[in-house]
């Protein structure tokens, strides 16, 4: 299930976010976390089954009535089990009136999810 990020999950979120190719550098990772915490147009969600095993970072585009998936990450030991697709599907169910769009980093995966 998708849950909203809270500061108490910061270390878990940073760990999951660090699996993204552009978030390997600690300074870049810390900056990204600050952006999600400070900007109202950004939101982090965590995917919880028994444990937190995935992360979805989005940006709201009110001018386009769209949600852009900026980051999507799954713990490596849970990959190739459909977790990422379930996260995207849950996001679409949470915001049925919004278009789900991707950026360059998430485009290939989001196209496989059939929500765009």
Protein backbone atom coordinates (compact mmCIF):
# COMPACT_ATOMS: atom_id res chain seq x y z
CA UNK A 1 0.00 0.00 0.00
CA UNK A 2 1.15 3.54 -0.73
CA UNK A 3 1.75 5.67 2.33
CA UNK A 4 2.78 9.32 2.46
CA UNK A 5 6.35 10.06 3.43
CA UNK A 6 6.96 11.30 6.96
CA UNK A 7 10.24 12.56 8.40
CA UNK A 8 10.47 9.43 10.57
CA UNK A 9 10.99 7.43 7.34
CA UNK A 10 13.84 9.65 6.12
CA UNK A 11 16.63 7.03 6.27
CA UNK A 12 14.51 4.39 4.57
CA UNK A 13 13.45 6.87 1.88
CA UNK A 14 17.03 8.00 1.29
CA UNK A 15 18.17 4.40 1.00
CA UNK A 16 15.51 3.61 -1.60
CA UNK A 17 16.08 6.88 -3.45
CA UNK A 18 19.82 6.13 -3.66
CA UNK A 19 19.03 3.25 -6.04
CA UNK A 20 18.05 5.81 -8.69
CA UNK A 21 20.95 6.38 -11.13
CA UNK A 22 21.00 10.18 -10.64
CA UNK A 23 20.86 10.00 -6.84
CA UNK A 24 24.14 8.20 -6.08
CA UNK A 25 25.96 11.31 -4.80
CA UNK A 26 25.15 12.03 -1.14
CA UNK A 27 24.84 15.80 -1.66
CA UNK A 28 22.48 15.32 -4.60
CA UNK A 29 20.45 12.82 -2.58
CA UNK A 30 20.18 15.21 0.39
CA UNK A 31 19.13 18.04 -1.95
CA UNK A 32 16.43 15.86 -3.51
CA UNK A 33 15.09 14.94 -0.07
CA UNK A 34 14.98 18.63 0.91
CA UNK A 35 13.03 19.44 -2.25
CA UNK A 36 10.43 16.76 -1.45
CA UNK A 37 10.11 18.01 2.12
CA UNK A 38 9.95 21.73 1.29
CA UNK A 39 8.05 22.06 -1.99
CA UNK A 40 4.29 21.65 -1.90
CA UNK A 41 4.21 20.50 -5.52
CA UNK A 42 6.36 17.46 -4.64
CA UNK A 43 5.35 14.38 -2.69
CA UNK A 44 7.09 11.17 -1.71
CA UNK A 45 5.19 7.95 -1.19
CA UNK A 46 6.51 4.73 0.29
CA UNK A 47 5.28 1.26 -0.60
CA UNK A 48 4.64 -0.90 2.42
CA UNK A 49 3.91 -4.59 2.42
CA UNK A 50 5.34 -6.19 5.57
CA UNK A 51 8.19 -3.68 5.39
CA UNK A 52 8.75 -0.57 3.34
CA UNK A 53 10.19 -1.86 0.06
CA UNK A 54 9.50 0.86 -2.51
CA UNK A 55 9.42 4.59 -3.11
CA UNK A 56 7.57 6.82 -5.55
CA UNK A 57 8.41 10.51 -5.91
CA UNK A 58 5.98 12.74 -7.77
CA UNK A 59 5.50 16.33 -8.87
CA UNK A 60 2.01 17.79 -9.24
CA UNK A 61 1.49 19.79 -12.45
CA UNK A 62 -1.73 21.69 -11.76
CA UNK A 63 -1.52 23.53 -15.09
CA UNK A 64 -1.70 20.19 -16.93
CA UNK A 65 -3.84 18.25 -14.42
CA UNK A 66 -1.01 15.73 -14.33
CA UNK A 67 1.27 13.93 -11.93
CA UNK A 68 4.85 13.39 -13.05
CA UNK A 69 6.64 10.40 -11.61
CA UNK A 70 10.13 11.70 -10.89
CA UNK A 71 11.49 8.76 -8.93
CA UNK A 72 10.50 5.12 -8.64
CA UNK A 73 12.60 2.65 -6.72
CA UNK A 74 12.19 -0.84 -5.32
CA UNK A 75 14.47 -2.60 -2.87
CA UNK A 76 16.69 -4.88 -5.01
CA UNK A 77 15.62 -8.01 -3.13
CA UNK A 78 11.98 -7.32 -4.15
CA UNK A 79 12.52 -6.44 -7.80
CA UNK A 80 10.92 -8.30 -10.72
CA UNK A 81 7.90 -9.16 -8.57
CA UNK A 82 5.55 -6.45 -9.85
CA UNK A 83 6.07 -4.04 -6.93
CA UNK A 84 6.83 -1.06 -9.18
CA UNK A 85 3.75 -1.67 -11.30
CA UNK A 86 1.59 -2.02 -8.19
CA UNK A 87 2.92 1.33 -6.92
CA UNK A 88 2.06 3.07 -10.19
CA UNK A 89 -1.38 1.43 -10.28
CA UNK A 90 -2.06 2.51 -6.68
CA UNK A 91 -1.02 6.08 -7.56
CA UNK A 92 -3.42 6.08 -10.51
CA UNK A 93 -6.21 4.79 -8.25
CA UNK A 94 -5.39 7.51 -5.71
CA UNK A 95 -5.61 10.21 -8.41
CA UNK A 96 -8.02 8.83 -11.06
CA UNK A 97 -8.68 12.26 -12.57
CA UNK A 98 -4.97 13.02 -13.15
CA UNK A 99 -2.82 12.06 -16.09
CA UNK A 100 0.27 10.08 -15.04
CA UNK A 101 3.37 11.26 -16.88
CA UNK A 102 7.05 10.44 -16.60
CA UNK A 103 10.41 12.12 -16.92
CA UNK A 104 13.45 10.85 -18.83
CA UNK A 105 14.54 8.64 -15.92
CA UNK A 106 11.17 6.96 -15.38
CA UNK A 107 9.73 6.91 -18.93
CA UNK A 108 10.77 3.39 -19.93
CA UNK A 109 9.30 1.84 -16.81
CA UNK A 110 6.11 3.90 -16.76
CA UNK A 111 5.35 2.91 -20.36
CA UNK A 112 5.38 -0.75 -19.26
CA UNK A 113 2.75 0.02 -16.61
CA UNK A 114 -0.03 0.98 -19.08
CA UNK A 115 -1.31 3.98 -17.11
CA UNK A 116 -0.33 6.84 -19.37
